[in-house]
């Protein structure tokens, strides 16, 4: 299992009859077993862990006292697949300290967010369960309680260099380019990543990346713009698209969703 290329853990894997396995993707534990006419599945989210790599092992038997969901078939599939997908809501991330962008300047941040995992069987393809790889809290993002949207909150750093990115097997990196076309200094304290509208890609080294997000800030908040670029960062050749966007929105819809973000920034002097 995962013997050919452990880095590409999202590729289909085979379990023999009566075999059990345990897979850890960051804080997420996955237990699978194939039996005659049946698959068993159990998952667990660890409360806190510094574990960021993939670990997979075959088990001599199903773990005692581990409750499982059972999926029955006349002829059970032979393979399973762990398919990463981006979160079903935007993810709000805070910077550890305010970041200031002078007028006429632009900066690219590399921000990571946890993926969810779709546990699927193959031939035919059948999703058994979708589970978050990390427990996230709810948060409201908007200028007030009437305008905005329900998001997830995550604690992460906005890196200025790709080389500074830590390897986290359960997180995807979103390049966010912010251009300050306003006449005043721009302060960034938090960002809302529109991950439901992004595609997810897997690189040959096992890292996960999303489409690039471009934010254009101007003096008139109504002219603030958001764009999603399909161009991958330099050095990311050979990327494989693993998941399409969950949501598709008209161009004006994305414009409206993020004009509030900049209006909030203008009124407070921060984002």
C-alpha atoms as a PDB file:
ATOM      1  CA  UNK A   1       0.000   0.000   0.000  1.00  0.00           C
ATOM      2  CA  UNK A   2       1.402   3.373  -1.125  1.00  0.00           C
ATOM      3  CA  UNK A   3       4.491   1.421  -2.151  1.00  0.00           C
ATOM      4  CA  UNK A   4       4.961   2.910  -5.635  1.00  0.00           C
ATOM      5  CA  UNK A   5       4.862   6.591  -4.705  1.00  0.00           C
ATOM      6  CA  UNK A   6       3.955   7.428  -1.136  1.00  0.00           C
ATOM      7  CA  UNK A   7       3.862  11.141  -1.925  1.00  0.00           C
ATOM      8  CA  UNK A   8       0.885  10.725  -4.277  1.00  0.00           C
ATOM      9  CA  UNK A   9      -1.383   9.385  -1.552  1.00  0.00           C
ATOM     10  CA  UNK A  10      -4.533  10.420  -3.444  1.00  0.00           C
ATOM     11  CA  UNK A  11      -4.048   7.682  -6.051  1.00  0.00           C
ATOM     12  CA  UNK A  12      -6.189   4.472  -5.862  1.00  0.00           C
ATOM     13  CA  UNK A  13      -4.911   1.774  -3.506  1.00  0.00           C
ATOM     14  CA  UNK A  14      -5.748  -1.921  -3.248  1.00  0.00           C
ATOM     15  CA  UNK A  15      -6.705  -3.896  -0.148  1.00  0.00           C
ATOM     16  CA  UNK A  16      -6.792  -7.673  -0.311  1.00  0.00           C
ATOM     17  CA  UNK A  17      -9.689  -9.629   1.121  1.00  0.00           C
ATOM     18  CA  UNK A  18      -9.669  -9.531   4.967  1.00  0.00           C
ATOM     19  CA  UNK A  19      -6.960  -6.859   5.018  1.00  0.00           C
ATOM     20  CA  UNK A  20      -7.217  -3.832   7.324  1.00  0.00           C
ATOM     21  CA  UNK A  21      -5.219  -0.599   7.233  1.00  0.00           C
ATOM     22  CA  UNK A  22      -4.696   2.599   9.231  1.00  0.00           C
ATOM     23  CA  UNK A  23      -3.822   5.877   7.520  1.00  0.00           C
ATOM     24  CA  UNK A  24      -2.919   9.138   9.216  1.00  0.00           C
ATOM     25  CA  UNK A  25      -3.145  12.432   7.302  1.00  0.00           C
ATOM     26  CA  UNK A  26      -2.140  15.126   9.770  1.00  0.00           C
ATOM     27  CA  UNK A  27      -4.697  15.021  12.621  1.00  0.00           C
ATOM     28  CA  UNK A  28      -7.010  12.643  10.721  1.00  0.00           C
ATOM     29  CA  UNK A  29      -6.996   8.884  11.305  1.00  0.00           C
ATOM     30  CA  UNK A  30      -8.695   6.596   8.776  1.00  0.00           C
ATOM     31  CA  UNK A  31      -9.326   2.873   9.293  1.00  0.00           C
ATOM     32  CA  UNK A  32     -10.421   0.696   6.373  1.00  0.00           C
ATOM     33  CA  UNK A  33     -11.082  -3.005   5.983  1.00  0.00           C
ATOM     34  CA  UNK A  34     -12.135  -5.064   2.985  1.00  0.00           C
ATOM     35  CA  UNK A  35     -14.082  -8.264   3.570  1.00  0.00           C
ATOM     36  CA  UNK A  36     -16.081 -10.556   1.338  1.00  0.00           C
ATOM     37  CA  UNK A  37     -19.060  -8.485   0.199  1.00  0.00           C
ATOM     38  CA  UNK A  38     -18.232  -5.650   2.592  1.00  0.00           C
ATOM     39  CA  UNK A  39     -16.057  -2.636   3.386  1.00  0.00           C
ATOM     40  CA  UNK A  40     -15.633  -1.187   6.873  1.00  0.00           C
ATOM     41  CA  UNK A  41     -14.706   2.414   7.623  1.00  0.00           C
ATOM     42  CA  UNK A  42     -13.922   4.409  10.759  1.00  0.00           C
ATOM     43  CA  UNK A  43     -12.384   7.863  11.208  1.00  0.00           C
ATOM     44  CA  UNK A  44     -11.082   9.888  14.125  1.00  0.00           C
ATOM     45  CA  UNK A  45      -9.914  13.488  14.429  1.00  0.00           C
ATOM     46  CA  UNK A  46      -7.109  13.886  16.935  1.00  0.00           C
ATOM     47  CA  UNK A  47      -7.581  17.004  19.113  1.00  0.00           C
ATOM     48  CA  UNK A  48      -4.020  18.290  18.751  1.00  0.00           C
ATOM     49  CA  UNK A  49      -1.058  16.919  16.891  1.00  0.00           C
ATOM     50  CA  UNK A  50       2.207  18.147  15.429  1.00  0.00           C
ATOM     51  CA  UNK A  51       2.123  15.251  12.987  1.00  0.00           C
ATOM     52  CA  UNK A  52       2.137  16.662   9.453  1.00  0.00           C
ATOM     53  CA  UNK A  53       3.193  13.705   7.272  1.00  0.00           C
ATOM     54  CA  UNK A  54       1.443  10.678   5.824  1.00  0.00           C
ATOM     55  CA  UNK A  55       1.653   7.395   7.689  1.00  0.00           C
ATOM     56  CA  UNK A  56       0.032   4.193   6.444  1.00  0.00           C
ATOM     57  CA  UNK A  57       0.250   0.641   7.694  1.00  0.00           C
ATOM     58  CA  UNK A  58      -1.506  -2.691   7.292  1.00  0.00           C
ATOM     59  CA  UNK A  59      -3.065  -4.032  10.482  1.00  0.00           C
ATOM     60  CA  UNK A  60      -3.187  -7.712  11.486  1.00  0.00           C
ATOM     61  CA  UNK A  61      -6.876  -7.297  12.279  1.00  0.00           C
ATOM     62  CA  UNK A  62      -9.573  -4.687  12.768  1.00  0.00           C
ATOM     63  CA  UNK A  63      -8.754  -2.706  15.950  1.00  0.00           C
ATOM     64  CA  UNK A  64     -10.684  -4.008  18.932  1.00  0.00           C
ATOM     65  CA  UNK A  65     -13.463  -1.681  20.188  1.00  0.00           C
ATOM     66  CA  UNK A  66     -13.171   0.476  17.042  1.00  0.00           C
ATOM     67  CA  UNK A  67     -16.739   1.052  15.843  1.00  0.00           C
ATOM     68  CA  UNK A  68     -17.139   0.995  12.068  1.00  0.00           C
ATOM     69  CA  UNK A  69     -19.624   1.888   9.378  1.00  0.00           C
ATOM     70  CA  UNK A  70     -20.334  -1.128   7.155  1.00  0.00           C
ATOM     71  CA  UNK A  71     -20.965  -0.900   3.424  1.00  0.00           C
ATOM     72  CA  UNK A  72     -22.239  -4.129   1.853  1.00  0.00           C
ATOM     73  CA  UNK A  73     -22.014  -5.294  -1.769  1.00  0.00           C
ATOM     74  CA  UNK A  74     -22.794  -8.357  -3.805  1.00  0.00           C
ATOM     75  CA  UNK A  75     -19.258  -8.032  -5.218  1.00  0.00           C
ATOM     76  CA  UNK A  76     -17.211  -5.568  -3.233  1.00  0.00           C
ATOM     77  CA  UNK A  77     -14.784  -3.179  -5.029  1.00  0.00           C
ATOM     78  CA  UNK A  78     -11.103  -3.999  -4.681  1.00  0.00           C
ATOM     79  CA  UNK A  79      -9.684  -0.481  -4.391  1.00  0.00           C
ATOM     80  CA  UNK A  80     -10.162   2.674  -2.351  1.00  0.00           C
ATOM     81  CA  UNK A  81      -9.073   6.260  -2.896  1.00  0.00           C
ATOM     82  CA  UNK A  82      -8.516   9.181  -0.506  1.00  0.00           C
ATOM     83  CA  UNK A  83      -9.530  12.210  -2.535  1.00  0.00           C
ATOM     84  CA  UNK A  84      -8.636  15.654  -1.123  1.00  0.00           C
ATOM     85  CA  UNK A  85     -11.123  18.485  -1.697  1.00  0.00           C
ATOM     86  CA  UNK A  86     -11.178  22.083  -0.494  1.00  0.00           C
ATOM     87  CA  UNK A  87     -13.455  23.243   2.320  1.00  0.00           C
ATOM     88  CA  UNK A  88     -17.141  23.888   1.642  1.00  0.00           C
ATOM     89  CA  UNK A  89     -16.948  27.427   3.103  1.00  0.00           C
ATOM     90  CA  UNK A  90     -14.432  30.267   2.839  1.00  0.00           C
ATOM     91  CA  UNK A  91     -11.595  30.017   5.351  1.00  0.00           C
ATOM     92  CA  UNK A  92     -10.682  33.134   7.348  1.00  0.00           C
ATOM     93  CA  UNK A  93      -7.042  33.362   8.353  1.00  0.00           C
ATOM     94  CA  UNK A  94      -5.418  35.974  10.570  1.00  0.00           C
ATOM     95  CA  UNK A  95      -1.881  37.270  10.280  1.00  0.00           C
ATOM     96  CA  UNK A  96       0.260  37.110  13.416  1.00  0.00           C
ATOM     97  CA  UNK A  97       0.998  40.806  13.021  1.00  0.00           C
ATOM     98  CA  UNK A  98      -0.387  43.535  10.735  1.00  0.00           C
ATOM     99  CA  UNK A  99       1.095  43.648   7.242  1.00  0.00           C
ATOM    100  CA  UNK A 100       1.258  47.027   5.484  1.00  0.00           C
ATOM    101  CA  UNK A 101       1.283  47.508   1.706  1.00  0.00           C
ATOM    102  CA  UNK A 102       2.248  51.003   0.457  1.00  0.00           C
ATOM    103  CA  UNK A 103       0.299  52.634  -2.396  1.00  0.00           C
ATOM    104  CA  UNK A 104       1.207  51.222  -5.795  1.00  0.00           C
ATOM    105  CA  UNK A 105       2.802  48.102  -4.328  1.00  0.00           C
ATOM    106  CA  UNK A 106       1.704  44.458  -4.465  1.00  0.00           C
ATOM    107  CA  UNK A 107       2.632  41.373  -2.466  1.00  0.00           C
ATOM    108  CA  UNK A 108       1.979  37.655  -2.789  1.00  0.00           C
ATOM    109  CA  UNK A 109       1.199  35.598   0.304  1.00  0.00           C
ATOM    110  CA  UNK A 110       1.186  31.800   0.465  1.00  0.00           C
ATOM    111  CA  UNK A 111      -1.592  30.747   2.815  1.00  0.00           C
ATOM    112  CA  UNK A 112      -2.440  27.148   3.703  1.00  0.00           C
ATOM    113  CA  UNK A 113      -5.855  25.789   4.667  1.00  0.00           C
ATOM    114  CA  UNK A 114      -6.957  22.260   5.685  1.00  0.00           C
ATOM    115  CA  UNK A 115      -8.579  20.054   3.072  1.00  0.00           C
ATOM    116  CA  UNK A 116     -11.409  17.604   3.521  1.00  0.00           C
ATOM    117  CA  UNK A 117     -10.998  13.972   2.500  1.00  0.00           C
ATOM    118  CA  UNK A 118     -13.488  12.033   0.433  1.00  0.00           C
ATOM    119  CA  UNK A 119     -13.073   8.344   1.154  1.00  0.00           C
ATOM    120  CA  UNK A 120     -14.105   6.588  -2.039  1.00  0.00           C
ATOM    121  CA  UNK A 121     -14.230   3.083  -3.458  1.00  0.00           C
ATOM    122  CA  UNK A 122     -13.202   2.496  -7.065  1.00  0.00           C
ATOM    123  CA  UNK A 123     -14.701   0.669 -10.041  1.00  0.00           C
ATOM    124  CA  UNK A 124     -17.370   1.859  -9.801  1.00  0.00           C
ATOM    125  CA  UNK A 125     -16.556   5.113  -7.994  1.00  0.00           C
ATOM    126  CA  UNK A 126     -18.542   5.456  -4.778  1.00  0.00           C
ATOM    127  CA  UNK A 127     -18.010   8.002  -1.999  1.00  0.00           C
ATOM    128  CA  UNK A 128     -18.386   6.463   1.458  1.00  0.00           C
ATOM    129  CA  UNK A 129     -17.770   9.576   3.556  1.00  0.00           C
ATOM    130  CA  UNK A 130     -16.335  13.081   3.477  1.00  0.00           C
ATOM    131  CA  UNK A 131     -14.522  14.228   6.600  1.00  0.00           C
ATOM    132  CA  UNK A 132     -12.480  17.301   7.526  1.00  0.00           C
ATOM    133  CA  UNK A 133      -8.791  16.631   8.021  1.00  0.00           C
ATOM    134  CA  UNK A 134      -8.685  19.186  10.845  1.00  0.00           C
ATOM    135  CA  UNK A 135     -11.344  20.477  13.214  1.00  0.00           C
ATOM    136  CA  UNK A 136     -12.242  24.074  12.325  1.00  0.00           C
ATOM    137  CA  UNK A 137     -14.347  26.574  14.238  1.00  0.00           C
ATOM    138  CA  UNK A 138     -17.117  28.721  12.768  1.00  0.00           C
ATOM    139  CA  UNK A 139     -16.688  32.459  12.287  1.00  0.00           C
ATOM    140  CA  UNK A 140     -18.588  35.322  10.673  1.00  0.00           C
ATOM    141  CA  UNK A 141     -16.761  37.430   8.113  1.00  0.00           C
ATOM    142  CA  UNK A 142     -18.218  40.792   7.139  1.00  0.00           C
ATOM    143  CA  UNK A 143     -18.513  44.426   8.213  1.00  0.00           C
ATOM    144  CA  UNK A 144     -21.527  43.671  10.453  1.00  0.00           C
ATOM    145  CA  UNK A 145     -23.957  40.907  11.442  1.00  0.00           C
ATOM    146  CA  UNK A 146     -26.237  41.710   8.498  1.00  0.00           C
ATOM    147  CA  UNK A 147     -23.638  41.694   5.728  1.00  0.00           C
ATOM    148  CA  UNK A 148     -21.150  38.870   5.365  1.00  0.00           C
ATOM    149  CA  UNK A 149     -21.064  35.090   5.383  1.00  0.00           C
ATOM    150  CA  UNK A 150     -20.425  32.121   7.645  1.00  0.00           C
ATOM    151  CA  UNK A 151     -16.863  30.869   7.270  1.00  0.00           C
ATOM    152  CA  UNK A 152     -14.344  28.606   8.914  1.00  0.00           C
ATOM    153  CA  UNK A 153     -11.544  30.060  11.050  1.00  0.00           C
ATOM    154  CA  UNK A 154      -8.007  28.708  10.918  1.00  0.00           C
ATOM    155  CA  UNK A 155      -4.785  29.708  12.603  1.00  0.00           C
ATOM    156  CA  UNK A 156      -2.006  29.875  10.049  1.00  0.00           C
ATOM    157  CA  UNK A 157       0.762  32.127   8.861  1.00  0.00           C
ATOM    158  CA  UNK A 158       0.733  34.106   5.637  1.00  0.00           C
ATOM    159  CA  UNK A 159       4.161  33.290   4.218  1.00  0.00           C
ATOM    160  CA  UNK A 160       5.867  35.728   1.891  1.00  0.00           C
ATOM    161  CA  UNK A 161       8.094  33.058   0.309  1.00  0.00           C
ATOM    162  CA  UNK A 162       7.337  29.565  -0.971  1.00  0.00           C
ATOM    163  CA  UNK A 163      10.596  28.360   0.558  1.00  0.00           C
ATOM    164  CA  UNK A 164       9.265  29.227   4.044  1.00  0.00           C
ATOM    165  CA  UNK A 165       6.218  26.959   3.694  1.00  0.00           C
ATOM    166  CA  UNK A 166       6.214  24.009   6.116  1.00  0.00           C
ATOM    167  CA  UNK A 167       5.174  20.655   4.676  1.00  0.00           C
ATOM    168  CA  UNK A 168       1.693  19.720   5.868  1.00  0.00           C
ATOM    169  CA  UNK A 169       0.188  16.758   4.081  1.00  0.00           C
ATOM    170  CA  UNK A 170      -3.393  17.751   4.966  1.00  0.00           C
ATOM    171  CA  UNK A 171      -3.208  21.396   3.884  1.00  0.00           C
ATOM    172  CA  UNK A 172      -3.410  23.119   0.499  1.00  0.00           C
ATOM    173  CA  UNK A 173      -1.522  26.312  -0.322  1.00  0.00           C
ATOM    174  CA  UNK A 174      -3.309  29.279  -1.916  1.00  0.00           C
ATOM    175  CA  UNK A 175      -1.174  32.031  -3.472  1.00  0.00           C
ATOM    176  CA  UNK A 176      -2.897  35.355  -2.715  1.00  0.00           C
ATOM    177  CA  UNK A 177      -1.634  38.432  -4.551  1.00  0.00           C
ATOM    178  CA  UNK A 178      -2.835  41.738  -3.090  1.00  0.00           C
ATOM    179  CA  UNK A 179      -2.310  44.902  -5.122  1.00  0.00           C
ATOM    180  CA  UNK A 180      -2.821  48.266  -3.444  1.00  0.00           C
ATOM    181  CA  UNK A 181      -3.974  50.720  -6.096  1.00  0.00           C
ATOM    182  CA  UNK A 182      -5.338  53.076  -3.449  1.00  0.00           C
ATOM    183  CA  UNK A 183      -3.694  56.364  -2.464  1.00  0.00           C
ATOM    184  CA  UNK A 184      -3.272  55.324   1.192  1.00  0.00           C
ATOM    185  CA  UNK A 185      -1.369  52.639   3.068  1.00  0.00           C
ATOM    186  CA  UNK A 186      -3.211  49.331   3.239  1.00  0.00           C
ATOM    187  CA  UNK A 187      -3.163  47.206   6.398  1.00  0.00           C
ATOM    188  CA  UNK A 188      -3.951  43.488   6.323  1.00  0.00           C
ATOM    189  CA  UNK A 189      -4.851  41.643   9.513  1.00  0.00           C
ATOM    190  CA  UNK A 190      -7.042  38.852   8.134  1.00  0.00           C
ATOM    191  CA  UNK A 191      -8.121  37.411   4.818  1.00  0.00           C
ATOM    192  CA  UNK A 192     -11.037  35.293   3.685  1.00  0.00           C
ATOM    193  CA  UNK A 193      -9.908  32.597   1.248  1.00  0.00           C
ATOM    194  CA  UNK A 194     -12.709  31.782  -1.244  1.00  0.00           C
ATOM    195  CA  UNK A 195     -11.727  28.106  -1.360  1.00  0.00           C
ATOM    196  CA  UNK A 196     -15.152  26.766  -2.516  1.00  0.00           C
ATOM    197  CA  UNK A 197     -14.530  28.596  -5.812  1.00  0.00           C
ATOM    198  CA  UNK A 198     -11.004  27.226  -6.337  1.00  0.00           C
ATOM    199  CA  UNK A 199      -9.648  24.109  -8.000  1.00  0.00           C
ATOM    200  CA  UNK A 200      -7.261  21.825  -6.109  1.00  0.00           C
ATOM    201  CA  UNK A 201      -4.018  20.496  -7.605  1.00  0.00           C
ATOM    202  CA  UNK A 202      -1.521  17.852  -6.551  1.00  0.00           C
ATOM    203  CA  UNK A 203       2.171  18.205  -7.353  1.00  0.00           C
ATOM    204  CA  UNK A 204       4.705  15.435  -7.891  1.00  0.00           C
ATOM    205  CA  UNK A 205       6.270  16.109  -4.481  1.00  0.00           C
ATOM    206  CA  UNK A 206       2.930  15.423  -2.754  1.00  0.00           C
ATOM    207  CA  UNK A 207       2.086  19.047  -1.966  1.00  0.00           C
ATOM    208  CA  UNK A 208      -1.404  20.450  -2.567  1.00  0.00           C
ATOM    209  CA  UNK A 209      -2.023  23.819  -4.236  1.00  0.00           C
ATOM    210  CA  UNK A 210      -5.062  25.814  -5.328  1.00  0.00           C
ATOM    211  CA  UNK A 211      -5.769  28.379  -8.009  1.00  0.00           C
ATOM    212  CA  UNK A 212      -4.195  31.777  -7.390  1.00  0.00           C
ATOM    213  CA  UNK A 213      -6.347  34.567  -5.922  1.00  0.00           C
ATOM    214  CA  UNK A 214      -5.809  38.159  -7.030  1.00  0.00           C
ATOM    215  CA  UNK A 215      -7.185  41.020  -4.907  1.00  0.00           C
ATOM    216  CA  UNK A 216      -7.135  44.550  -6.292  1.00  0.00           C
ATOM    217  CA  UNK A 217      -7.722  47.296  -3.685  1.00  0.00           C
ATOM    218  CA  UNK A 218      -8.642  50.811  -4.809  1.00  0.00           C
ATOM    219  CA  UNK A 219      -9.765  54.035  -3.147  1.00  0.00           C
ATOM    220  CA  UNK A 220     -13.342  53.448  -4.185  1.00  0.00           C
ATOM    221  CA  UNK A 221     -14.345  50.177  -2.453  1.00  0.00           C
ATOM    222  CA  UNK A 222     -16.950  49.596  -5.173  1.00  0.00           C
ATOM    223  CA  UNK A 223     -14.095  49.194  -7.651  1.00  0.00           C
ATOM    224  CA  UNK A 224     -12.303  46.536  -5.616  1.00  0.00           C
ATOM    225  CA  UNK A 225     -11.926  43.365  -7.605  1.00  0.00           C
ATOM    226  CA  UNK A 226     -11.249  39.695  -7.053  1.00  0.00           C
ATOM    227  CA  UNK A 227      -9.911  37.416  -9.753  1.00  0.00           C
ATOM    228  CA  UNK A 228      -9.119  33.715  -9.768  1.00  0.00           C
ATOM    229  CA  UNK A 229      -6.147  32.780 -11.924  1.00  0.00           C
ATOM    230  CA  UNK A 230      -5.625  29.273 -13.301  1.00  0.00           C
ATOM    231  CA  UNK A 231      -1.899  29.923 -13.622  1.00  0.00           C
ATOM    232  CA  UNK A 232       0.174  27.904 -11.160  1.00  0.00           C
ATOM    233  CA  UNK A 233       3.150  29.468  -9.346  1.00  0.00           C
ATOM    234  CA  UNK A 234       6.589  29.184 -10.926  1.00  0.00           C
ATOM    235  CA  UNK A 235       8.193  25.815 -10.230  1.00  0.00           C
ATOM    236  CA  UNK A 236       4.842  24.022 -10.013  1.00  0.00           C
ATOM    237  CA  UNK A 237       5.011  22.292 -13.381  1.00  0.00           C
ATOM    238  CA  UNK A 238       3.276  18.957 -13.799  1.00  0.00           C
ATOM    239  CA  UNK A 239       0.391  19.765 -11.473  1.00  0.00           C
ATOM    240  CA  UNK A 240      -2.566  17.368 -11.602  1.00  0.00           C
ATOM    241  CA  UNK A 241      -6.032  18.777 -10.964  1.00  0.00           C
ATOM    242  CA  UNK A 242      -7.532  16.660  -8.199  1.00  0.00           C
ATOM    243  CA  UNK A 243     -10.837  18.484  -7.625  1.00  0.00           C
ATOM    244  CA  UNK A 244     -12.937  21.054  -9.419  1.00  0.00           C
ATOM    245  CA  UNK A 245     -14.413  24.039  -7.542  1.00  0.00           C
ATOM    246  CA  UNK A 246     -17.357  23.158  -5.327  1.00  0.00           C
ATOM    247  CA  UNK A 247     -19.170  26.339  -6.377  1.00  0.00           C
ATOM    248  CA  UNK A 248     -19.356  28.407  -9.506  1.00  0.00           C
ATOM    249  CA  UNK A 249     -20.449  32.012  -9.263  1.00  0.00           C
ATOM    250  CA  UNK A 250     -21.015  34.702 -11.832  1.00  0.00           C
ATOM    251  CA  UNK A 251     -18.264  37.278 -12.065  1.00  0.00           C
ATOM    252  CA  UNK A 252     -20.504  39.927 -10.494  1.00  0.00           C
ATOM    253  CA  UNK A 253     -21.282  37.573  -7.617  1.00  0.00           C
ATOM    254  CA  UNK A 254     -17.638  37.277  -6.652  1.00  0.00           C
ATOM    255  CA  UNK A 255     -17.293  41.036  -7.059  1.00  0.00           C
ATOM    256  CA  UNK A 256     -20.160  41.627  -4.639  1.00  0.00           C
ATOM    257  CA  UNK A 257     -18.884  39.115  -2.075  1.00  0.00           C
ATOM    258  CA  UNK A 258     -15.506  40.795  -1.800  1.00  0.00           C
ATOM    259  CA  UNK A 259     -16.500  44.443  -2.166  1.00  0.00           C
ATOM    260  CA  UNK A 260     -17.763  44.207   1.421  1.00  0.00           C
ATOM    261  CA  UNK A 261     -14.346  42.967   2.494  1.00  0.00           C
ATOM    262  CA  UNK A 262     -12.660  46.085   1.138  1.00  0.00           C
ATOM    263  CA  UNK A 263     -15.389  48.416   2.379  1.00  0.00           C
ATOM    264  CA  UNK A 264     -14.742  46.988   5.846  1.00  0.00           C
ATOM    265  CA  UNK A 265     -11.026  47.602   5.388  1.00  0.00           C
ATOM    266  CA  UNK A 266     -11.575  51.197   4.365  1.00  0.00           C
ATOM    267  CA  UNK A 267     -13.757  51.929   7.384  1.00  0.00           C
ATOM    268  CA  UNK A 268     -11.361  50.350   9.903  1.00  0.00           C
ATOM    269  CA  UNK A 269      -8.034  50.729   8.176  1.00  0.00           C
ATOM    270  CA  UNK A 270      -7.522  46.964   8.285  1.00  0.00           C
ATOM    271  CA  UNK A 271      -8.577  43.794   6.543  1.00  0.00           C
END
